[in-house]
N, C-alpha and C. Protein backbone atom coordinates (compact mmCIF):
# COMPACT_ATOMS: atom_id res chain seq x y z
N MET A 1 122.33 84.34 111.63
CA MET A 1 123.56 85.12 111.55
C MET A 1 123.29 86.50 112.14
N SER A 2 124.16 86.96 112.98
CA SER A 2 123.96 88.24 113.65
C SER A 2 124.86 89.30 113.04
N ILE A 3 124.30 90.42 112.63
CA ILE A 3 125.08 91.56 112.16
C ILE A 3 124.46 92.82 112.76
N HIS A 4 125.19 93.92 112.69
CA HIS A 4 124.66 95.17 113.22
C HIS A 4 123.42 95.58 112.44
N THR A 5 122.48 96.21 113.13
CA THR A 5 121.22 96.59 112.49
C THR A 5 121.44 97.48 111.28
N SER A 6 122.42 98.40 111.37
CA SER A 6 122.66 99.32 110.25
C SER A 6 123.08 98.55 109.00
N GLU A 7 123.89 97.50 109.16
CA GLU A 7 124.30 96.69 108.01
C GLU A 7 123.12 95.90 107.47
N LEU A 8 122.28 95.40 108.37
CA LEU A 8 121.09 94.66 107.96
C LEU A 8 120.16 95.56 107.16
N VAL A 9 119.97 96.78 107.63
CA VAL A 9 119.11 97.75 106.95
C VAL A 9 119.62 98.02 105.54
N GLU A 10 120.91 98.25 105.41
CA GLU A 10 121.49 98.57 104.11
C GLU A 10 121.44 97.37 103.18
N ARG A 11 121.75 96.19 103.70
CA ARG A 11 121.84 95.00 102.85
C ARG A 11 120.49 94.62 102.26
N PHE A 12 119.42 94.79 103.05
CA PHE A 12 118.10 94.35 102.60
C PHE A 12 117.15 95.52 102.33
N ARG A 13 117.68 96.73 102.27
CA ARG A 13 116.89 97.92 101.94
C ARG A 13 115.72 98.09 102.93
N LEU A 14 115.95 97.76 104.18
CA LEU A 14 114.87 97.83 105.16
C LEU A 14 114.51 99.28 105.47
N PHE A 15 113.24 99.49 105.73
CA PHE A 15 112.72 100.79 106.19
C PHE A 15 112.22 100.57 107.62
N LEU A 16 112.83 101.25 108.58
CA LEU A 16 112.49 101.04 109.99
C LEU A 16 111.89 102.30 110.60
N ILE A 17 110.88 102.11 111.43
CA ILE A 17 110.36 103.19 112.26
C ILE A 17 110.28 102.65 113.69
N GLU A 18 111.14 103.14 114.56
CA GLU A 18 111.07 102.75 115.97
C GLU A 18 109.93 103.51 116.63
N GLY A 19 109.15 102.83 117.45
CA GLY A 19 108.04 103.50 118.12
C GLY A 19 106.91 103.87 117.19
N PHE A 20 106.77 103.15 116.08
CA PHE A 20 105.64 103.42 115.18
C PHE A 20 104.32 103.33 115.94
N LEU A 21 104.21 102.35 116.81
CA LEU A 21 103.08 102.27 117.74
C LEU A 21 103.61 102.47 119.15
N GLU A 22 102.90 103.27 119.93
CA GLU A 22 103.32 103.55 121.28
C GLU A 22 103.20 102.29 122.14
N ALA A 23 103.97 102.24 123.23
CA ALA A 23 103.98 101.07 124.11
C ALA A 23 102.58 100.76 124.62
N GLN A 24 101.82 101.78 125.00
CA GLN A 24 100.47 101.56 125.51
C GLN A 24 99.57 100.98 124.42
N THR A 25 99.73 101.46 123.19
CA THR A 25 98.94 100.93 122.08
C THR A 25 99.27 99.46 121.84
N CYS A 26 100.55 99.11 121.90
CA CYS A 26 100.94 97.71 121.73
C CYS A 26 100.29 96.84 122.80
N GLU A 27 100.29 97.31 124.04
CA GLU A 27 99.68 96.55 125.13
C GLU A 27 98.18 96.38 124.90
N GLN A 28 97.53 97.43 124.42
CA GLN A 28 96.09 97.36 124.16
C GLN A 28 95.79 96.38 123.03
N LEU A 29 96.63 96.38 122.00
CA LEU A 29 96.42 95.46 120.87
C LEU A 29 96.63 94.01 121.30
N ILE A 30 97.61 93.76 122.14
CA ILE A 30 97.82 92.41 122.66
C ILE A 30 96.63 91.97 123.49
N ALA A 31 96.14 92.88 124.34
CA ALA A 31 94.97 92.55 125.17
C ALA A 31 93.75 92.24 124.31
N GLU A 32 93.53 93.02 123.26
CA GLU A 32 92.39 92.76 122.37
C GLU A 32 92.58 91.44 121.62
N THR A 33 93.81 91.16 121.22
CA THR A 33 94.09 89.90 120.52
C THR A 33 93.72 88.71 121.39
N ARG A 34 94.05 88.77 122.66
CA ARG A 34 93.80 87.66 123.57
C ARG A 34 92.30 87.38 123.75
N LEU A 35 91.48 88.37 123.45
CA LEU A 35 90.03 88.21 123.59
C LEU A 35 89.33 87.94 122.26
N ALA A 36 90.09 88.01 121.18
CA ALA A 36 89.50 87.92 119.84
C ALA A 36 89.37 86.48 119.37
N TRP A 37 88.58 86.31 118.30
CA TRP A 37 88.47 85.01 117.66
C TRP A 37 89.66 84.82 116.73
N GLY A 38 90.20 83.59 116.70
CA GLY A 38 91.33 83.32 115.84
C GLY A 38 91.28 81.94 115.24
N GLY A 39 92.09 81.73 114.23
CA GLY A 39 92.20 80.43 113.57
C GLY A 39 93.55 80.30 112.90
N PRO A 40 93.89 79.11 112.41
CA PRO A 40 95.19 78.90 111.78
C PRO A 40 95.40 79.83 110.59
N ALA A 41 96.58 80.44 110.52
CA ALA A 41 96.91 81.28 109.38
C ALA A 41 97.12 80.41 108.15
N THR A 42 96.83 80.98 107.00
CA THR A 42 96.84 80.22 105.75
C THR A 42 98.10 80.47 104.93
N VAL A 43 98.30 79.59 103.97
CA VAL A 43 99.33 79.78 102.94
C VAL A 43 98.67 79.53 101.59
N TYR A 44 99.23 80.11 100.53
CA TYR A 44 98.64 79.98 99.19
C TYR A 44 99.50 79.05 98.35
N ARG A 45 98.91 77.92 97.95
CA ARG A 45 99.61 76.93 97.12
C ARG A 45 98.67 76.45 96.02
N PRO A 46 99.09 76.51 94.77
CA PRO A 46 98.22 76.07 93.67
C PRO A 46 97.78 74.63 93.84
N GLY A 47 96.47 74.39 93.74
CA GLY A 47 95.95 73.04 93.79
C GLY A 47 95.92 72.39 95.15
N ALA A 48 96.28 73.13 96.19
CA ALA A 48 96.30 72.54 97.53
C ALA A 48 94.87 72.29 98.00
N PRO A 49 94.60 71.15 98.67
CA PRO A 49 93.24 70.86 99.12
C PRO A 49 92.79 71.74 100.28
N SER A 50 93.74 72.34 100.99
CA SER A 50 93.42 73.19 102.13
C SER A 50 94.37 74.37 102.17
N PRO A 51 93.88 75.56 102.57
CA PRO A 51 94.78 76.71 102.69
C PRO A 51 95.64 76.68 103.94
N VAL A 52 95.42 75.70 104.80
CA VAL A 52 96.21 75.57 106.02
C VAL A 52 97.21 74.43 105.84
N ASP A 53 98.48 74.74 106.05
CA ASP A 53 99.53 73.72 106.00
C ASP A 53 100.53 74.04 107.09
N GLU A 54 100.39 73.37 108.22
CA GLU A 54 101.23 73.69 109.38
C GLU A 54 102.63 73.12 109.27
N SER A 55 102.96 72.47 108.15
CA SER A 55 104.35 72.12 107.90
C SER A 55 105.11 73.31 107.30
N LEU A 56 104.34 74.29 106.78
CA LEU A 56 104.94 75.49 106.20
C LEU A 56 104.75 76.72 107.08
N ARG A 57 103.58 76.82 107.66
CA ARG A 57 103.25 78.00 108.47
C ARG A 57 102.38 77.57 109.64
N LYS A 58 102.90 77.79 110.83
CA LYS A 58 102.15 77.42 112.03
C LYS A 58 102.05 78.65 112.92
N THR A 59 100.95 79.33 112.81
CA THR A 59 100.68 80.52 113.60
C THR A 59 99.17 80.75 113.58
N THR A 60 98.70 81.64 114.43
CA THR A 60 97.27 81.93 114.52
C THR A 60 97.01 83.37 114.11
N ARG A 61 96.01 83.54 113.24
CA ARG A 61 95.57 84.89 112.86
C ARG A 61 94.31 85.22 113.65
N PHE A 62 94.32 86.37 114.30
CA PHE A 62 93.18 86.81 115.09
C PHE A 62 92.44 87.93 114.38
N MET A 63 91.12 87.92 114.50
CA MET A 63 90.28 88.92 113.86
C MET A 63 89.90 89.97 114.90
N LEU A 64 90.57 91.09 114.87
CA LEU A 64 90.27 92.17 115.79
C LEU A 64 89.13 93.02 115.23
N SER A 65 88.66 93.97 116.03
CA SER A 65 87.51 94.77 115.63
C SER A 65 87.80 95.56 114.36
N ALA A 66 86.73 95.93 113.66
CA ALA A 66 86.88 96.74 112.45
C ALA A 66 87.53 98.07 112.77
N GLU A 67 87.20 98.62 113.94
CA GLU A 67 87.77 99.91 114.34
C GLU A 67 89.28 99.80 114.54
N THR A 68 89.71 98.74 115.22
CA THR A 68 91.14 98.55 115.47
C THR A 68 91.88 98.29 114.16
N THR A 69 91.31 97.46 113.31
CA THR A 69 91.94 97.15 112.03
C THR A 69 92.10 98.40 111.18
N GLU A 70 91.08 99.22 111.13
CA GLU A 70 91.15 100.45 110.33
C GLU A 70 92.11 101.46 110.96
N PHE A 71 92.19 101.49 112.28
CA PHE A 71 93.14 102.38 112.95
C PHE A 71 94.57 102.06 112.50
N VAL A 72 94.93 100.79 112.51
CA VAL A 72 96.28 100.40 112.09
C VAL A 72 96.48 100.69 110.61
N ARG A 73 95.48 100.39 109.80
CA ARG A 73 95.60 100.63 108.36
C ARG A 73 95.82 102.11 108.07
N GLN A 74 95.09 102.99 108.75
CA GLN A 74 95.26 104.42 108.53
C GLN A 74 96.64 104.89 108.97
N ARG A 75 97.13 104.34 110.07
CA ARG A 75 98.49 104.70 110.51
C ARG A 75 99.52 104.30 109.45
N LEU A 76 99.30 103.17 108.81
CA LEU A 76 100.20 102.74 107.74
C LEU A 76 100.08 103.64 106.52
N LEU A 77 98.87 104.02 106.18
CA LEU A 77 98.68 104.90 105.03
C LEU A 77 99.33 106.26 105.25
N GLU A 78 99.40 106.70 106.49
CA GLU A 78 100.08 107.96 106.80
C GLU A 78 101.57 107.91 106.48
N GLN A 79 102.13 106.71 106.44
CA GLN A 79 103.56 106.54 106.15
C GLN A 79 103.83 106.21 104.69
N ARG A 80 102.79 106.16 103.87
CA ARG A 80 102.96 105.69 102.50
C ARG A 80 103.98 106.52 101.72
N GLU A 81 103.93 107.83 101.83
CA GLU A 81 104.86 108.66 101.05
C GLU A 81 106.30 108.40 101.46
N LYS A 82 106.55 108.21 102.75
CA LYS A 82 107.91 107.91 103.20
C LYS A 82 108.37 106.55 102.68
N VAL A 83 107.46 105.59 102.67
CA VAL A 83 107.79 104.27 102.15
C VAL A 83 108.06 104.35 100.64
N GLU A 84 107.24 105.11 99.93
CA GLU A 84 107.45 105.30 98.49
C GLU A 84 108.82 105.90 98.23
N SER A 85 109.18 106.92 99.01
CA SER A 85 110.46 107.59 98.83
C SER A 85 111.62 106.63 99.10
N HIS A 86 111.50 105.85 100.15
CA HIS A 86 112.58 104.94 100.52
C HIS A 86 112.82 103.89 99.44
N PHE A 87 111.76 103.31 98.92
CA PHE A 87 111.89 102.22 97.95
C PHE A 87 111.81 102.69 96.50
N GLN A 88 111.61 104.02 96.31
CA GLN A 88 111.50 104.56 94.96
C GLN A 88 110.40 103.86 94.17
N LEU A 89 109.22 103.79 94.81
CA LEU A 89 108.05 103.15 94.22
C LEU A 89 106.86 104.08 94.29
N THR A 90 105.86 103.83 93.45
CA THR A 90 104.57 104.47 93.58
C THR A 90 103.59 103.43 94.09
N LEU A 91 103.00 103.69 95.25
CA LEU A 91 102.11 102.73 95.89
C LEU A 91 100.69 103.28 95.90
N SER A 92 99.72 102.39 95.79
CA SER A 92 98.32 102.84 95.75
C SER A 92 97.67 102.82 97.12
N ASP A 93 97.78 101.71 97.83
CA ASP A 93 97.13 101.60 99.13
C ASP A 93 97.79 100.47 99.90
N CYS A 94 97.14 100.00 100.95
CA CYS A 94 97.67 98.84 101.66
C CYS A 94 96.51 97.92 102.01
N GLU A 95 96.83 96.65 102.18
CA GLU A 95 95.82 95.66 102.51
C GLU A 95 95.34 95.86 103.95
N SER A 96 94.32 95.11 104.29
CA SER A 96 93.86 95.11 105.68
C SER A 96 94.90 94.41 106.54
N PRO A 97 95.33 95.01 107.64
CA PRO A 97 96.36 94.39 108.48
C PRO A 97 95.90 93.05 109.06
N GLN A 98 96.87 92.17 109.26
CA GLN A 98 96.61 90.87 109.88
C GLN A 98 97.31 90.83 111.24
N PHE A 99 96.60 90.35 112.24
CA PHE A 99 97.12 90.28 113.61
C PHE A 99 97.49 88.83 113.91
N LEU A 100 98.78 88.60 114.18
CA LEU A 100 99.29 87.24 114.29
C LEU A 100 99.82 86.94 115.69
N PHE A 101 99.65 85.69 116.08
CA PHE A 101 100.11 85.19 117.37
C PHE A 101 100.91 83.91 117.15
N TYR A 102 102.14 83.91 117.62
CA TYR A 102 103.00 82.73 117.55
C TYR A 102 103.23 82.23 118.97
N LYS A 103 102.84 81.01 119.25
CA LYS A 103 103.14 80.39 120.54
C LYS A 103 104.40 79.54 120.38
N GLU A 104 104.81 78.92 121.47
CA GLU A 104 106.02 78.10 121.45
C GLU A 104 105.90 77.02 120.36
N GLY A 105 106.92 76.93 119.52
CA GLY A 105 106.94 75.97 118.44
C GLY A 105 106.40 76.48 117.12
N ASP A 106 105.73 77.63 117.10
CA ASP A 106 105.17 78.18 115.86
C ASP A 106 106.28 78.81 115.01
N PHE A 107 106.02 78.90 113.69
CA PHE A 107 107.04 79.35 112.75
C PHE A 107 106.40 79.66 111.40
N PHE A 108 107.19 80.22 110.49
CA PHE A 108 106.81 80.38 109.09
C PHE A 108 108.08 80.18 108.28
N VAL A 109 108.09 79.17 107.41
CA VAL A 109 109.29 78.82 106.66
C VAL A 109 109.68 79.95 105.70
N PRO A 110 110.91 79.93 105.17
CA PRO A 110 111.33 80.96 104.22
C PRO A 110 110.35 81.06 103.04
N HIS A 111 109.99 82.31 102.69
CA HIS A 111 109.00 82.54 101.65
C HIS A 111 109.12 83.96 101.14
N GLN A 112 108.39 84.26 100.08
CA GLN A 112 108.27 85.60 99.54
C GLN A 112 106.80 86.00 99.59
N ASP A 113 106.54 87.29 99.71
CA ASP A 113 105.16 87.76 99.86
C ASP A 113 104.53 88.24 98.56
N GLY A 114 105.33 88.71 97.61
CA GLY A 114 104.73 89.26 96.40
C GLY A 114 105.75 89.84 95.44
N ASN A 115 105.22 90.54 94.40
CA ASN A 115 106.03 91.24 93.41
C ASN A 115 107.02 90.31 92.71
N THR A 116 106.62 89.07 92.49
CA THR A 116 107.47 88.11 91.80
C THR A 116 106.62 87.12 91.02
N GLU A 117 107.08 86.74 89.86
CA GLU A 117 106.35 85.78 89.03
C GLU A 117 106.37 84.38 89.62
N GLN A 118 107.18 84.17 90.65
CA GLN A 118 107.20 82.86 91.30
C GLN A 118 105.87 82.58 92.00
N LEU A 119 105.12 83.62 92.31
CA LEU A 119 103.83 83.46 92.97
C LEU A 119 102.73 83.39 91.92
N GLN A 120 101.79 82.47 92.09
CA GLN A 120 100.80 82.21 91.06
C GLN A 120 99.43 82.78 91.37
N PHE A 121 99.35 83.66 92.36
CA PHE A 121 98.08 84.28 92.71
C PHE A 121 98.19 85.78 92.47
N ASP A 122 97.25 86.34 91.70
CA ASP A 122 97.33 87.75 91.33
C ASP A 122 97.37 88.67 92.54
N HIS A 123 96.59 88.37 93.59
CA HIS A 123 96.55 89.28 94.73
C HIS A 123 97.86 89.26 95.51
N LEU A 124 98.70 88.26 95.30
CA LEU A 124 100.03 88.24 95.92
C LEU A 124 101.04 88.98 95.05
N ARG A 125 100.93 88.82 93.74
CA ARG A 125 101.92 89.44 92.85
C ARG A 125 101.87 90.96 92.92
N VAL A 126 100.72 91.54 93.27
CA VAL A 126 100.62 93.01 93.32
C VAL A 126 101.16 93.58 94.62
N ARG A 127 101.51 92.74 95.57
CA ARG A 127 102.13 93.24 96.79
C ARG A 127 103.53 93.76 96.46
N ARG A 128 103.81 95.02 96.82
CA ARG A 128 105.09 95.63 96.50
C ARG A 128 106.02 95.70 97.70
N VAL A 129 105.44 96.04 98.85
CA VAL A 129 106.24 96.22 100.07
C VAL A 129 105.56 95.49 101.22
N SER A 130 106.31 94.68 101.93
CA SER A 130 105.81 93.97 103.11
C SER A 130 106.10 94.77 104.37
N VAL A 131 105.22 94.66 105.34
CA VAL A 131 105.37 95.37 106.61
C VAL A 131 105.15 94.40 107.76
N VAL A 132 106.02 94.47 108.75
CA VAL A 132 105.84 93.76 110.01
C VAL A 132 105.92 94.79 111.13
N ILE A 133 104.96 94.73 112.05
CA ILE A 133 104.98 95.58 113.24
C ILE A 133 105.04 94.65 114.45
N PHE A 134 106.06 94.81 115.25
CA PHE A 134 106.22 93.99 116.45
C PHE A 134 105.44 94.62 117.60
N LEU A 135 104.76 93.78 118.38
CA LEU A 135 103.99 94.28 119.51
C LEU A 135 104.62 93.97 120.86
N ASN A 136 105.52 92.99 120.89
CA ASN A 136 106.24 92.73 122.14
C ASN A 136 107.69 92.41 121.84
N ARG A 137 108.47 92.26 122.90
CA ARG A 137 109.92 92.23 122.79
C ARG A 137 110.48 90.81 122.65
N GLN A 138 111.47 90.69 121.78
CA GLN A 138 112.22 89.45 121.67
C GLN A 138 113.37 89.49 122.67
N SER A 139 113.64 88.36 123.32
CA SER A 139 114.65 88.30 124.36
C SER A 139 115.50 87.05 124.19
N THR A 140 116.73 87.12 124.66
CA THR A 140 117.59 85.94 124.64
C THR A 140 117.32 85.02 125.82
N GLN A 141 116.67 85.56 126.86
CA GLN A 141 116.34 84.77 128.04
C GLN A 141 114.84 84.92 128.32
N PRO A 142 114.19 83.85 128.79
CA PRO A 142 112.76 83.94 129.11
C PRO A 142 112.49 84.97 130.21
N THR A 143 111.70 85.96 129.90
CA THR A 143 111.26 86.97 130.85
C THR A 143 109.80 87.27 130.57
N PRO A 144 109.08 87.83 131.56
CA PRO A 144 107.64 88.09 131.36
C PRO A 144 107.37 88.97 130.14
N ASP A 145 106.33 88.60 129.38
CA ASP A 145 105.83 89.38 128.24
C ASP A 145 106.80 89.44 127.07
N THR A 146 107.81 88.57 127.05
CA THR A 146 108.74 88.52 125.92
C THR A 146 108.67 87.14 125.26
N TYR A 147 109.40 86.98 124.19
CA TYR A 147 109.51 85.69 123.53
C TYR A 147 110.96 85.44 123.13
N CYS A 148 111.35 84.18 123.09
CA CYS A 148 112.67 83.78 122.63
C CYS A 148 112.51 83.05 121.30
N GLY A 149 113.52 83.15 120.44
CA GLY A 149 113.36 82.63 119.09
C GLY A 149 112.40 83.54 118.35
N GLY A 150 111.70 83.01 117.36
CA GLY A 150 110.72 83.81 116.63
C GLY A 150 111.30 85.00 115.90
N SER A 151 112.57 84.88 115.48
CA SER A 151 113.22 85.99 114.77
C SER A 151 112.66 86.18 113.38
N LEU A 152 112.63 87.41 112.93
CA LEU A 152 112.36 87.71 111.53
C LEU A 152 113.71 87.65 110.82
N ALA A 153 113.88 86.64 109.96
CA ALA A 153 115.16 86.39 109.30
C ALA A 153 115.04 86.67 107.81
N PHE A 154 116.08 87.29 107.26
CA PHE A 154 116.12 87.64 105.84
C PHE A 154 117.22 86.85 105.15
N TYR A 155 116.98 86.52 103.86
CA TYR A 155 117.96 85.78 103.06
C TYR A 155 118.28 86.56 101.80
N GLU A 156 119.56 86.60 101.45
CA GLU A 156 119.95 87.25 100.21
C GLU A 156 119.47 86.43 99.02
N ALA A 157 119.36 87.08 97.86
CA ALA A 157 118.72 86.48 96.70
C ALA A 157 119.39 85.18 96.27
N ASN A 158 120.71 85.09 96.43
CA ASN A 158 121.43 83.90 95.96
C ASN A 158 121.66 82.87 97.07
N ALA A 159 121.09 83.10 98.25
CA ALA A 159 121.31 82.20 99.37
C ALA A 159 120.31 81.05 99.35
N ASP A 160 120.72 79.91 99.83
CA ASP A 160 119.84 78.75 99.95
C ASP A 160 119.13 78.85 101.30
N PRO A 161 117.81 79.14 101.32
CA PRO A 161 117.12 79.32 102.61
C PRO A 161 117.05 78.05 103.44
N ARG A 162 117.38 76.91 102.84
CA ARG A 162 117.43 75.68 103.63
C ARG A 162 118.63 75.67 104.57
N ARG A 163 119.60 76.51 104.26
CA ARG A 163 120.76 76.65 105.15
C ARG A 163 120.48 77.80 106.11
N LYS A 164 119.94 77.44 107.25
CA LYS A 164 119.45 78.44 108.20
C LYS A 164 120.55 79.39 108.68
N GLU A 165 121.79 78.94 108.65
CA GLU A 165 122.87 79.80 109.13
C GLU A 165 123.10 81.00 108.22
N LEU A 166 122.49 81.00 107.02
CA LEU A 166 122.66 82.11 106.10
C LEU A 166 121.64 83.23 106.33
N GLY A 167 120.70 83.02 107.24
CA GLY A 167 119.70 84.04 107.50
C GLY A 167 120.23 85.16 108.40
N PHE A 168 119.79 86.38 108.13
CA PHE A 168 120.16 87.54 108.94
C PHE A 168 118.96 87.94 109.77
N HIS A 169 119.12 88.03 111.08
CA HIS A 169 117.99 88.16 111.99
C HIS A 169 117.80 89.60 112.47
N LEU A 170 116.53 90.02 112.50
CA LEU A 170 116.15 91.32 113.08
C LEU A 170 115.37 91.04 114.36
N ASN A 171 115.81 91.62 115.45
CA ASN A 171 115.15 91.40 116.74
C ASN A 171 113.92 92.29 116.88
N GLY A 172 112.85 91.72 117.42
CA GLY A 172 111.62 92.46 117.60
C GLY A 172 111.64 93.35 118.84
N GLU A 173 111.06 94.53 118.72
CA GLU A 173 110.90 95.48 119.82
C GLU A 173 109.47 96.02 119.76
N PRO A 174 108.83 96.27 120.90
CA PRO A 174 107.46 96.78 120.88
C PRO A 174 107.32 98.05 120.05
N GLY A 175 106.40 98.04 119.10
CA GLY A 175 106.13 99.22 118.29
C GLY A 175 107.02 99.40 117.09
N LEU A 176 108.04 98.55 116.92
CA LEU A 176 108.95 98.68 115.79
C LEU A 176 108.27 98.24 114.49
N LEU A 177 108.35 99.09 113.49
CA LEU A 177 107.87 98.77 112.14
C LEU A 177 109.07 98.51 111.25
N VAL A 178 109.01 97.43 110.48
CA VAL A 178 110.01 97.17 109.45
C VAL A 178 109.28 96.89 108.15
N ALA A 179 109.71 97.57 107.10
CA ALA A 179 109.17 97.35 105.76
C ALA A 179 110.31 96.91 104.85
N PHE A 180 109.99 96.05 103.88
CA PHE A 180 111.01 95.52 102.98
C PHE A 180 110.35 95.11 101.68
N PRO A 181 111.12 95.03 100.58
CA PRO A 181 110.53 94.63 99.30
C PRO A 181 109.83 93.28 99.42
N ALA A 182 108.64 93.17 98.87
CA ALA A 182 107.82 91.97 99.05
C ALA A 182 108.45 90.73 98.44
N GLU A 183 109.39 90.90 97.50
CA GLU A 183 110.03 89.74 96.90
C GLU A 183 111.21 89.22 97.73
N THR A 184 111.52 89.86 98.83
CA THR A 184 112.61 89.42 99.70
C THR A 184 112.24 88.10 100.38
N THR A 185 113.15 87.14 100.33
CA THR A 185 112.93 85.87 101.03
C THR A 185 113.16 86.08 102.52
N HIS A 186 112.19 85.66 103.32
CA HIS A 186 112.27 85.87 104.76
C HIS A 186 111.51 84.75 105.47
N GLU A 187 111.70 84.65 106.76
CA GLU A 187 110.99 83.65 107.55
C GLU A 187 110.82 84.14 108.98
N VAL A 188 109.98 83.42 109.72
CA VAL A 188 109.90 83.57 111.17
C VAL A 188 110.41 82.27 111.75
N THR A 189 111.52 82.34 112.47
CA THR A 189 112.09 81.13 113.05
C THR A 189 111.21 80.63 114.19
N PRO A 190 111.30 79.35 114.55
CA PRO A 190 110.44 78.81 115.60
C PRO A 190 110.57 79.56 116.93
N VAL A 191 109.44 79.81 117.54
CA VAL A 191 109.43 80.43 118.87
C VAL A 191 109.85 79.37 119.89
N ALA A 192 110.86 79.71 120.68
CA ALA A 192 111.39 78.76 121.66
C ALA A 192 110.73 78.91 123.02
N HIS A 193 110.26 80.11 123.31
CA HIS A 193 109.64 80.35 124.62
C HIS A 193 108.77 81.60 124.53
N GLY A 194 107.66 81.60 125.26
CA GLY A 194 106.82 82.79 125.34
C GLY A 194 105.84 82.90 124.18
N GLU A 195 105.32 84.11 123.99
CA GLU A 195 104.31 84.39 122.97
C GLU A 195 104.74 85.60 122.15
N ARG A 196 104.66 85.45 120.84
CA ARG A 196 105.07 86.52 119.91
C ARG A 196 103.83 87.11 119.27
N TYR A 197 103.66 88.43 119.43
CA TYR A 197 102.53 89.15 118.84
C TYR A 197 103.05 90.13 117.80
N SER A 198 102.41 90.14 116.64
CA SER A 198 102.85 91.05 115.58
C SER A 198 101.69 91.34 114.64
N ILE A 199 101.91 92.33 113.79
CA ILE A 199 100.95 92.71 112.74
C ILE A 199 101.71 92.64 111.42
N VAL A 200 101.06 92.12 110.38
CA VAL A 200 101.66 92.13 109.06
C VAL A 200 100.70 92.81 108.09
N CYS A 201 101.27 93.45 107.07
CA CYS A 201 100.45 94.13 106.07
C CYS A 201 101.30 94.32 104.82
N TRP A 202 100.65 94.72 103.73
CA TRP A 202 101.36 94.88 102.46
C TRP A 202 100.85 96.13 101.75
N TYR A 203 101.82 96.94 101.29
CA TYR A 203 101.51 98.05 100.38
C TYR A 203 101.47 97.50 98.95
N ARG A 204 100.52 98.05 98.17
CA ARG A 204 100.37 97.62 96.78
C ARG A 204 100.61 98.79 95.84
């Protein structure tokens, strides 16, 4: 479902910073990602025999250098007071950022990240605010260095996430940071074309 960004921000209490990372920094992070070691991203399910379930989450997490990871983490910590003010929360720190790559067909089904008793892992329940940083541009048409599909979609609390038409989509732009309450139901829709690069992290 498409609505104006201002309505999306108000409806889901989103905190946005355009240009949080400069265009050159985004390009450098993408270049480092392409050279880094990566593996399937995990999901947390009680009693599951494996932390990888590509029926729920199909994307690759790349391990960038300690210097790069700490650089992004420190940039996020610099915004902590603004995030606290926006959400009226007291936050302690943030997790180590995760660098994600979605190729054509990759996705993450509707889910919540934390701050809810529905999650059965302590390290997830303490997540208060989720953060996504986009590194490249989402496009409606295939063009170089962009991706189609792969939207970050949000669902209202009473909506059935199985009804995809009820999701509200935020388009990715290089360097754009979006933060939202960790208990918000959200997903990454399947990438239809191109490669989607992003960073995710959580304030606690």
